[in-house]
Structure formats: C-alpha cells, structure tokens
Amino acid sequence: MTATIHHDPQARLFYCDIENRRSVIEYELADAVMSITHTRVPPELEGRGIAGQLTRFALETAKNQQWKVRPVCSYAVVYMRRHPEYADLLA
C-alpha cells in the first residue's frame, strides 16, 4: 500500500489519512536541522509500512531542503540505522 503523504510545515508534521485514521511524524526545525520527535500510527493500521513511508518522505524532504536530521524518536533512530543511504543527513 502506498499512502498519500502531506507536509504541513506550519504544524511541523508529515501525515497521511487512511481509513479515517491519521498517522503522523512530528518534528522541530532549528538552524536547518529537523529533529524527528514523534512517529505515530494508530494500532489498527500498524504493520502496513506506513511509518516507513512517512519517515522516508520526511527524510527526502530534508534532503531536498538541505536540512540535517536528528532522529529523536525511537522509530526514526532505527529507520536511519537500517537505511544507511540517509546517513549523510545525520546532524
């Protein structure tokens, strides 16, 4: 399943709505460093790869904006460890 992901820079989040449920990545941005603080997927949507799609979208956005990334939430830490192609983004 491929989710349609949106970026709301004012609210500092990436999100997608599936089956009337919202999954999100929240972040903070300071000095061109995006700190990923929370990744949330409703329990009924877990196991579908949604968190991974959100994280990839967030990291690609950071790359396009020339931001560095500080993974704070545990999911983002593990994702970046498993995907060394994003290592150059680490703050």
PDB file of N, CA and C in Angstrom:
ATOM      1  N   MET A   1       0.828  -1.168   0.000  1.00  0.00           N
ATOM      2  CA  MET A   1       0.000   0.000   0.000  1.00  0.00           C
ATOM      3  C   MET A   1       0.878   1.239   0.000  1.00  0.00           C
ATOM      4  N   THR A   2       0.577   2.171  -0.885  1.00  0.00           N
ATOM      5  CA  THR A   2       1.292   3.434  -0.921  1.00  0.00           C
ATOM      6  C   THR A   2       0.367   4.524  -0.415  1.00  0.00           C
ATOM      7  N   ALA A   3       0.799   5.213   0.621  1.00  0.00           N
ATOM      8  CA  ALA A   3      -0.006   6.259   1.227  1.00  0.00           C
ATOM      9  C   ALA A   3       0.276   7.591   0.540  1.00  0.00           C
ATOM     10  N   THR A   4      -0.738   8.446   0.494  1.00  0.00           N
ATOM     11  CA  THR A   4      -0.546   9.820   0.038  1.00  0.00           C
ATOM     12  C   THR A   4      -0.138  10.635   1.259  1.00  0.00           C
ATOM     13  N   ILE A   5       1.079  11.139   1.233  1.00  0.00           N
ATOM     14  CA  ILE A   5       1.643  11.823   2.397  1.00  0.00           C
ATOM     15  C   ILE A   5       1.665  13.319   2.135  1.00  0.00           C
ATOM     16  N   HIS A   6       1.331  14.064   3.173  1.00  0.00           N
ATOM     17  CA  HIS A   6       1.288  15.519   3.108  1.00  0.00           C
ATOM     18  C   HIS A   6       2.277  16.094   4.116  1.00  0.00           C
ATOM     19  N   HIS A   7       2.778  17.282   3.794  1.00  0.00           N
ATOM     20  CA  HIS A   7       3.677  18.001   4.698  1.00  0.00           C
ATOM     21  C   HIS A   7       2.987  19.294   5.095  1.00  0.00           C
ATOM     22  N   ASP A   8       2.850  19.512   6.385  1.00  0.00           N
ATOM     23  CA  ASP A   8       2.295  20.763   6.909  1.00  0.00           C
ATOM     24  C   ASP A   8       3.417  21.474   7.654  1.00  0.00           C
ATOM     25  N   PRO A   9       4.155  22.346   6.946  1.00  0.00           N
ATOM     26  CA  PRO A   9       5.301  22.991   7.588  1.00  0.00           C
ATOM     27  C   PRO A   9       4.917  23.912   8.747  1.00  0.00           C
ATOM     28  N   GLN A  10       3.718  24.480   8.704  1.00  0.00           N
ATOM     29  CA  GLN A  10       3.282  25.350   9.806  1.00  0.00           C
ATOM     30  C   GLN A  10       3.112  24.543  11.094  1.00  0.00           C
ATOM     31  N   ALA A  11       2.529  23.364  10.968  1.00  0.00           N
ATOM     32  CA  ALA A  11       2.313  22.498  12.136  1.00  0.00           C
ATOM     33  C   ALA A  11       3.523  21.628  12.429  1.00  0.00           C
ATOM     34  N   ARG A  12       4.507  21.654  11.534  1.00  0.00           N
ATOM     35  CA  ARG A  12       5.722  20.846  11.647  1.00  0.00           C
ATOM     36  C   ARG A  12       5.381  19.356  11.737  1.00  0.00           C
ATOM     37  N   LEU A  13       4.659  18.893  10.715  1.00  0.00           N
ATOM     38  CA  LEU A  13       4.357  17.468  10.672  1.00  0.00           C
ATOM     39  C   LEU A  13       4.142  16.973   9.256  1.00  0.00           C
ATOM     40  N   PHE A  14       4.341  15.679   9.122  1.00  0.00           N
ATOM     41  CA  PHE A  14       4.031  14.934   7.906  1.00  0.00           C
ATOM     42  C   PHE A  14       2.888  14.010   8.310  1.00  0.00           C
ATOM     43  N   TYR A  15       1.926  13.824   7.415  1.00  0.00           N
ATOM     44  CA  TYR A  15       0.792  12.987   7.794  1.00  0.00           C
ATOM     45  C   TYR A  15       0.166  12.316   6.580  1.00  0.00           C
ATOM     46  N   CYS A  16      -0.576  11.272   6.879  1.00  0.00           N
ATOM     47  CA  CYS A  16      -1.413  10.618   5.881  1.00  0.00           C
ATOM     48  C   CYS A  16      -2.664  10.120   6.586  1.00  0.00           C
ATOM     49  N   ASP A  17      -3.757  10.139   5.849  1.00  0.00           N
ATOM     50  CA  ASP A  17      -5.043   9.674   6.369  1.00  0.00           C
ATOM     51  C   ASP A  17      -5.434   8.401   5.630  1.00  0.00           C
ATOM     52  N   ILE A  18      -5.615   7.334   6.378  1.00  0.00           N
ATOM     53  CA  ILE A  18      -6.019   6.037   5.822  1.00  0.00           C
ATOM     54  C   ILE A  18      -7.142   5.502   6.703  1.00  0.00           C
ATOM     55  N   GLU A  19      -8.221   5.107   6.057  1.00  0.00           N
ATOM     56  CA  GLU A  19      -9.377   4.558   6.774  1.00  0.00           C
ATOM     57  C   GLU A  19      -9.822   5.475   7.908  1.00  0.00           C
ATOM     58  N   ASN A  20      -9.878   6.767   7.617  1.00  0.00           N
ATOM     59  CA  ASN A  20     -10.311   7.780   8.586  1.00  0.00           C
ATOM     60  C   ASN A  20      -9.445   7.836   9.837  1.00  0.00           C
ATOM     61  N   ARG A  21      -8.196   7.407   9.717  1.00  0.00           N
ATOM     62  CA  ARG A  21      -7.228   7.475  10.819  1.00  0.00           C
ATOM     63  C   ARG A  21      -6.004   8.223  10.322  1.00  0.00           C
ATOM     64  N   ARG A  22      -5.448   9.053  11.168  1.00  0.00           N
ATOM     65  CA  ARG A  22      -4.275   9.848  10.792  1.00  0.00           C
ATOM     66  C   ARG A  22      -3.009   9.276  11.419  1.00  0.00           C
ATOM     67  N   SER A  23      -2.004   9.108  10.574  1.00  0.00           N
ATOM     68  CA  SER A  23      -0.656   8.725  11.005  1.00  0.00           C
ATOM     69  C   SER A  23       0.224   9.950  10.810  1.00  0.00           C
ATOM     70  N   VAL A  24       1.158  10.185  11.735  1.00  0.00           N
ATOM     71  CA  VAL A  24       1.949  11.416  11.672  1.00  0.00           C
ATOM     72  C   VAL A  24       3.407  11.190  12.063  1.00  0.00           C
ATOM     73  N   ILE A  25       4.225  12.099  11.543  1.00  0.00           N
ATOM     74  CA  ILE A  25       5.574  12.326  12.057  1.00  0.00           C
ATOM     75  C   ILE A  25       5.596  13.790  12.460  1.00  0.00           C
ATOM     76  N   GLU A  26       5.970  14.036  13.695  1.00  0.00           N
ATOM     77  CA  GLU A  26       6.115  15.406  14.192  1.00  0.00           C
ATOM     78  C   GLU A  26       7.603  15.726  14.249  1.00  0.00           C
ATOM     79  N   TYR A  27       7.913  16.992  13.995  1.00  0.00           N
ATOM     80  CA  TYR A  27       9.320  17.384  14.025  1.00  0.00           C
ATOM     81  C   TYR A  27       9.469  18.809  14.512  1.00  0.00           C
ATOM     82  N   GLU A  28      10.685  19.141  14.870  1.00  0.00           N
ATOM     83  CA  GLU A  28      11.068  20.511  15.194  1.00  0.00           C
ATOM     84  C   GLU A  28      12.138  20.894  14.187  1.00  0.00           C
ATOM     85  N   LEU A  29      12.206  22.178  13.874  1.00  0.00           N
ATOM     86  CA  LEU A  29      13.208  22.650  12.916  1.00  0.00           C
ATOM     87  C   LEU A  29      13.930  23.847  13.497  1.00  0.00           C
ATOM     88  N   ALA A  30      15.248  23.744  13.587  1.00  0.00           N
ATOM     89  CA  ALA A  30      16.067  24.841  14.093  1.00  0.00           C
ATOM     90  C   ALA A  30      17.415  24.790  13.394  1.00  0.00           C
ATOM     91  N   ASP A  31      17.832  25.924  12.864  1.00  0.00           N
ATOM     92  CA  ASP A  31      19.141  26.032  12.209  1.00  0.00           C
ATOM     93  C   ASP A  31      19.334  24.951  11.148  1.00  0.00           C
ATOM     94  N   ALA A  32      18.300  24.725  10.334  1.00  0.00           N
ATOM     95  CA  ALA A  32      18.331  23.750   9.240  1.00  0.00           C
ATOM     96  C   ALA A  32      18.572  22.320   9.726  1.00  0.00           C
ATOM     97  N   VAL A  33      18.153  22.035  10.957  1.00  0.00           N
ATOM     98  CA  VAL A  33      18.202  20.669  11.489  1.00  0.00           C
ATOM     99  C   VAL A  33      16.780  20.270  11.862  1.00  0.00           C
ATOM    100  N   MET A  34      16.302  19.210  11.225  1.00  0.00           N
ATOM    101  CA  MET A  34      14.980  18.681  11.515  1.00  0.00           C
ATOM    102  C   MET A  34      15.134  17.579  12.560  1.00  0.00           C
ATOM    103  N   SER A  35      14.564  17.800  13.742  1.00  0.00           N
ATOM    104  CA  SER A  35      14.565  16.789  14.794  1.00  0.00           C
ATOM    105  C   SER A  35      13.227  16.063  14.732  1.00  0.00           C
ATOM    106  N   ILE A  36      13.265  14.776  14.379  1.00  0.00           N
ATOM    107  CA  ILE A  36      12.050  13.972  14.319  1.00  0.00           C
ATOM    108  C   ILE A  36      11.734  13.537  15.745  1.00  0.00           C
ATOM    109  N   THR A  37      10.624  14.060  16.287  1.00  0.00           N
ATOM    110  CA  THR A  37      10.318  13.856  17.699  1.00  0.00           C
ATOM    111  C   THR A  37       9.304  12.749  17.968  1.00  0.00           C
ATOM    112  N   HIS A  38       8.366  12.532  17.059  1.00  0.00           N
ATOM    113  CA  HIS A  38       7.340  11.502  17.268  1.00  0.00           C
ATOM    114  C   HIS A  38       6.927  10.878  15.939  1.00  0.00           C
ATOM    115  N   THR A  39       6.717   9.599  15.961  1.00  0.00           N
ATOM    116  CA  THR A  39       6.114   8.878  14.836  1.00  0.00           C
ATOM    117  C   THR A  39       4.931   8.125  15.428  1.00  0.00           C
ATOM    118  N   ARG A  40       3.742   8.391  14.894  1.00  0.00           N
ATOM    119  CA  ARG A  40       2.543   7.737  15.433  1.00  0.00           C
ATOM    120  C   ARG A  40       1.705   7.142  14.314  1.00  0.00           C
ATOM    121  N   VAL A  41       1.396   5.875  14.467  1.00  0.00           N
ATOM    122  CA  VAL A  41       0.483   5.165  13.562  1.00  0.00           C
ATOM    123  C   VAL A  41      -0.560   4.507  14.464  1.00  0.00           C
ATOM    124  N   PRO A  42      -1.844   4.718  14.194  1.00  0.00           N
ATOM    125  CA  PRO A  42      -2.873   4.073  15.016  1.00  0.00           C
ATOM    126  C   PRO A  42      -2.698   2.555  15.015  1.00  0.00           C
ATOM    127  N   PRO A  43      -2.960   1.908  16.151  1.00  0.00           N
ATOM    128  CA  PRO A  43      -2.750   0.458  16.258  1.00  0.00           C
ATOM    129  C   PRO A  43      -3.424  -0.351  15.151  1.00  0.00           C
ATOM    130  N   GLU A  44      -4.606   0.064  14.733  1.00  0.00           N
ATOM    131  CA  GLU A  44      -5.311  -0.707  13.707  1.00  0.00           C
ATOM    132  C   GLU A  44      -4.662  -0.602  12.326  1.00  0.00           C
ATOM    133  N   LEU A  45      -3.708   0.327  12.157  1.00  0.00           N
ATOM    134  CA  LEU A  45      -3.010   0.478  10.877  1.00  0.00           C
ATOM    135  C   LEU A  45      -1.572  -0.040  10.924  1.00  0.00           C
ATOM    136  N   GLU A  46      -1.140  -0.491  12.086  1.00  0.00           N
ATOM    137  CA  GLU A  46       0.238  -0.970  12.227  1.00  0.00           C
ATOM    138  C   GLU A  46       0.490  -2.183  11.329  1.00  0.00           C
ATOM    139  N   GLY A  47       1.734  -2.343  10.943  1.00  0.00           N
ATOM    140  CA  GLY A  47       2.128  -3.498  10.139  1.00  0.00           C
ATOM    141  C   GLY A  47       1.916  -3.320   8.647  1.00  0.00           C
ATOM    142  N   ARG A  48       1.559  -2.128   8.216  1.00  0.00           N
ATOM    143  CA  ARG A  48       1.318  -1.867   6.790  1.00  0.00           C
ATOM    144  C   ARG A  48       2.434  -1.047   6.141  1.00  0.00           C
ATOM    145  N   GLY A  49       3.465  -0.733   6.905  1.00  0.00           N
ATOM    146  CA  GLY A  49       4.581   0.031   6.348  1.00  0.00           C
ATOM    147  C   GLY A  49       4.356   1.530   6.313  1.00  0.00           C
ATOM    148  N   ILE A  50       3.339   1.998   6.999  1.00  0.00           N
ATOM    149  CA  ILE A  50       3.006   3.426   6.956  1.00  0.00           C
ATOM    150  C   ILE A  50       4.080   4.272   7.619  1.00  0.00           C
ATOM    151  N   ALA A  51       4.565   3.847   8.771  1.00  0.00           N
ATOM    152  CA  ALA A  51       5.614   4.614   9.462  1.00  0.00           C
ATOM    153  C   ALA A  51       6.859   4.728   8.584  1.00  0.00           C
ATOM    154  N   GLY A  52       7.201   3.659   7.897  1.00  0.00           N
ATOM    155  CA  GLY A  52       8.351   3.692   7.000  1.00  0.00           C
ATOM    156  C   GLY A  52       8.155   4.658   5.848  1.00  0.00           C
ATOM    157  N   GLN A  53       6.960   4.669   5.276  1.00  0.00           N
ATOM    158  CA  GLN A  53       6.681   5.597   4.182  1.00  0.00           C
ATOM    159  C   GLN A  53       6.738   7.043   4.664  1.00  0.00           C
ATOM    160  N   LEU A  54       6.168   7.301   5.832  1.00  0.00           N
ATOM    161  CA  LEU A  54       6.227   8.658   6.395  1.00  0.00           C
ATOM    162  C   LEU A  54       7.673   9.082   6.650  1.00  0.00           C
ATOM    163  N   THR A  55       8.452   8.181   7.215  1.00  0.00           N
ATOM    164  CA  THR A  55       9.847   8.507   7.535  1.00  0.00           C
ATOM    165  C   THR A  55      10.654   8.758   6.267  1.00  0.00           C
ATOM    166  N   ARG A  56      10.474   7.917   5.270  1.00  0.00           N
ATOM    167  CA  ARG A  56      11.180   8.117   4.000  1.00  0.00           C
ATOM    168  C   ARG A  56      10.810   9.470   3.387  1.00  0.00           C
ATOM    169  N   PHE A  57       9.527   9.813   3.412  1.00  0.00           N
ATOM    170  CA  PHE A  57       9.068  11.099   2.872  1.00  0.00           C
ATOM    171  C   PHE A  57       9.703  12.253   3.643  1.00  0.00           C
ATOM    172  N   ALA A  58       9.738  12.137   4.964  1.00  0.00           N
ATOM    173  CA  ALA A  58      10.343  13.193   5.786  1.00  0.00           C
ATOM    174  C   ALA A  58      11.834  13.343   5.467  1.00  0.00           C
ATOM    175  N   LEU A  59      12.530  12.221   5.324  1.00  0.00           N
ATOM    176  CA  LEU A  59      13.966  12.280   5.025  1.00  0.00           C
ATOM    177  C   LEU A  59      14.232  12.822   3.631  1.00  0.00           C
ATOM    178  N   GLU A  60      13.403  12.462   2.676  1.00  0.00           N
ATOM    179  CA  GLU A  60      13.552  13.015   1.323  1.00  0.00           C
ATOM    180  C   GLU A  60      13.273  14.518   1.326  1.00  0.00           C
ATOM    181  N   THR A  61      12.312  14.941   2.119  1.00  0.00           N
ATOM    182  CA  THR A  61      12.041  16.378   2.248  1.00  0.00           C
ATOM    183  C   THR A  61      13.252  17.085   2.835  1.00  0.00           C
ATOM    184  N   ALA A  62      13.830  16.509   3.873  1.00  0.00           N
ATOM    185  CA  ALA A  62      15.026  17.092   4.481  1.00  0.00           C
ATOM    186  C   ALA A  62      16.156  17.198   3.458  1.00  0.00           C
ATOM    187  N   LYS A  63      16.339  16.147   2.686  1.00  0.00           N
ATOM    188  CA  LYS A  63      17.387  16.156   1.663  1.00  0.00           C
ATOM    189  C   LYS A  63      17.138  17.274   0.653  1.00  0.00           C
ATOM    190  N   ASN A  64      15.904  17.403   0.187  1.00  0.00           N
ATOM    191  CA  ASN A  64      15.561  18.423  -0.808  1.00  0.00           C
ATOM    192  C   ASN A  64      15.696  19.842  -0.257  1.00  0.00           C
ATOM    193  N   GLN A  65      15.467  19.990   1.037  1.00  0.00           N
ATOM    194  CA  GLN A  65      15.580  21.311   1.678  1.00  0.00           C
ATOM    195  C   GLN A  65      17.001  21.594   2.172  1.00  0.00           C
ATOM    196  N   GLN A  66      17.874  20.620   2.022  1.00  0.00           N
ATOM    197  CA  GLN A  66      19.255  20.688   2.505  1.00  0.00           C
ATOM    198  C   GLN A  66      19.315  20.865   4.019  1.00  0.00           C
ATOM    199  N   TRP A  67      18.425  20.136   4.708  1.00  0.00           N
ATOM    200  CA  TRP A  67      18.428  20.098   6.164  1.00  0.00           C
ATOM    201  C   TRP A  67      19.216  18.884   6.625  1.00  0.00           C
ATOM    202  N   LYS A  68      19.730  18.962   7.813  1.00  0.00           N
ATOM    203  CA  LYS A  68      20.273  17.796   8.500  1.00  0.00           C
ATOM    204  C   LYS A  68      19.138  17.214   9.343  1.00  0.00           C
ATOM    205  N   VAL A  69      19.317  15.994   9.819  1.00  0.00           N
ATOM    206  CA  VAL A  69      18.263  15.313  10.570  1.00  0.00           C
ATOM    207  C   VAL A  69      18.821  14.798  11.889  1.00  0.00           C
ATOM    208  N   ARG A  70      18.057  15.044  12.936  1.00  0.00           N
ATOM    209  CA  ARG A  70      18.361  14.481  14.243  1.00  0.00           C
ATOM    210  C   ARG A  70      17.193  13.563  14.613  1.00  0.00           C
ATOM    211  N   PRO A  71      17.385  12.247  14.516  1.00  0.00           N
ATOM    212  CA  PRO A  71      16.299  11.344  14.900  1.00  0.00           C
ATOM    213  C   PRO A  71      16.214  11.269  16.420  1.00  0.00           C
ATOM    214  N   VAL A  72      15.092  11.704  16.962  1.00  0.00           N
ATOM    215  CA  VAL A  72      14.896  11.684  18.407  1.00  0.00           C
ATOM    216  C   VAL A  72      14.003  10.515  18.803  1.00  0.00           C
ATOM    217  N   CYS A  73      12.932  10.295  18.067  1.00  0.00           N
ATOM    218  CA  CYS A  73      12.035   9.192  18.420  1.00  0.00           C
ATOM    219  C   CYS A  73      12.692   7.862  18.043  1.00  0.00           C
ATOM    220  N   SER A  74      12.337   6.838  18.772  1.00  0.00           N
ATOM    221  CA  SER A  74      12.988   5.539  18.598  1.00  0.00           C
ATOM    222  C   SER A  74      12.774   4.967  17.197  1.00  0.00           C
ATOM    223  N   TYR A  75      11.602   5.196  16.604  1.00  0.00           N
ATOM    224  CA  TYR A  75      11.363   4.654  15.266  1.00  0.00           C
ATOM    225  C   TYR A  75      12.325   5.292  14.261  1.00  0.00           C
ATOM    226  N   ALA A  76      12.484   6.601  14.325  1.00  0.00           N
ATOM    227  CA  ALA A  76      13.373   7.294  13.388  1.00  0.00           C
ATOM    228  C   ALA A  76      14.821   6.849  13.567  1.00  0.00           C
ATOM    229  N   VAL A  77      15.227   6.615  14.814  1.00  0.00           N
ATOM    230  CA  VAL A  77      16.596   6.138  15.082  1.00  0.00           C
ATOM    231  C   VAL A  77      16.821   4.802  14.383  1.00  0.00           C
ATOM    232  N   VAL A  78      15.903   3.866  14.578  1.00  0.00           N
ATOM    233  CA  VAL A  78      16.037   2.534  13.993  1.00  0.00           C
ATOM    234  C   VAL A  78      15.956   2.613  12.471  1.00  0.00           C
ATOM    235  N   TYR A  79      15.047   3.419  11.943  1.00  0.00           N
ATOM    236  CA  TYR A  79      14.902   3.540  10.493  1.00  0.00           C
ATOM    237  C   TYR A  79      16.202   4.029   9.861  1.00  0.00           C
ATOM    238  N   MET A  80      16.795   5.055  10.445  1.00  0.00           N
ATOM    239  CA  MET A  80      18.033   5.596   9.867  1.00  0.00           C
ATOM    240  C   MET A  80      19.184   4.611  10.000  1.00  0.00           C
ATOM    241  N   ARG A  81      19.189   3.817  11.057  1.00  0.00           N
ATOM    242  CA  ARG A  81      20.227   2.798  11.216  1.00  0.00           C
ATOM    243  C   ARG A  81      20.077   1.722  10.138  1.00  0.00           C
ATOM    244  N   ARG A  82      18.845   1.388   9.787  1.00  0.00           N
ATOM    245  CA  ARG A  82      18.587   0.348   8.790  1.00  0.00           C
ATOM    246  C   ARG A  82      18.695   0.849   7.357  1.00  0.00           C
ATOM    247  N   HIS A  83      18.744   2.151   7.174  1.00  0.00           N
ATOM    248  CA  HIS A  83      18.801   2.731   5.834  1.00  0.00           C
ATOM    249  C   HIS A  83      20.018   3.661   5.729  1.00  0.00           C
ATOM    250  N   PRO A  84      21.187   3.070   5.536  1.00  0.00           N
ATOM    251  CA  PRO A  84      22.423   3.862   5.512  1.00  0.00           C
ATOM    252  C   PRO A  84      22.466   4.888   4.378  1.00  0.00           C
ATOM    253  N   GLU A  85      21.570   4.768   3.395  1.00  0.00           N
ATOM    254  CA  GLU A  85      21.554   5.757   2.314  1.00  0.00           C
ATOM    255  C   GLU A  85      21.197   7.154   2.826  1.00  0.00           C
ATOM    256  N   TYR A  86      20.689   7.246   4.065  1.00  0.00           N
ATOM    257  CA  TYR A  86      20.363   8.547   4.649  1.00  0.00           C
ATOM    258  C   TYR A  86      21.389   8.998   5.682  1.00  0.00           C
ATOM    259  N   ALA A  87      22.480   8.269   5.838  1.00  0.00           N
ATOM    260  CA  ALA A  87      23.488   8.594   6.846  1.00  0.00           C
ATOM    261  C   ALA A  87      24.060   9.985   6.672  1.00  0.00           C
ATOM    262  N   ASP A  88      24.143  10.452   5.432  1.00  0.00           N
ATOM    263  CA  ASP A  88      24.709  11.784   5.187  1.00  0.00           C
ATOM    264  C   ASP A  88      23.822  12.898   5.725  1.00  0.00           C
ATOM    265  N   LEU A  89      22.587  12.578   6.082  1.00  0.00           N
ATOM    266  CA  LEU A  89      21.677  13.590   6.624  1.00  0.00           C
ATOM    267  C   LEU A  89      21.829  13.776   8.136  1.00  0.00           C
ATOM    268  N   LEU A  90      22.493  12.837   8.807  1.00  0.00           N
ATOM    269  CA  LEU A  90      22.577  12.898  10.268  1.00  0.00           C
ATOM    270  C   LEU A  90      23.271  14.168  10.738  1.00  0.00           C
ATOM    271  N   ALA A  91      22.636  14.786  11.719  1.00  0.00           N
ATOM    272  CA  ALA A  91      23.200  16.021  12.304  1.00  0.00           C
ATOM    273  C   ALA A  91      24.234  15.665  13.340  1.00  0.00           C
TER     274      ALA A  91
END
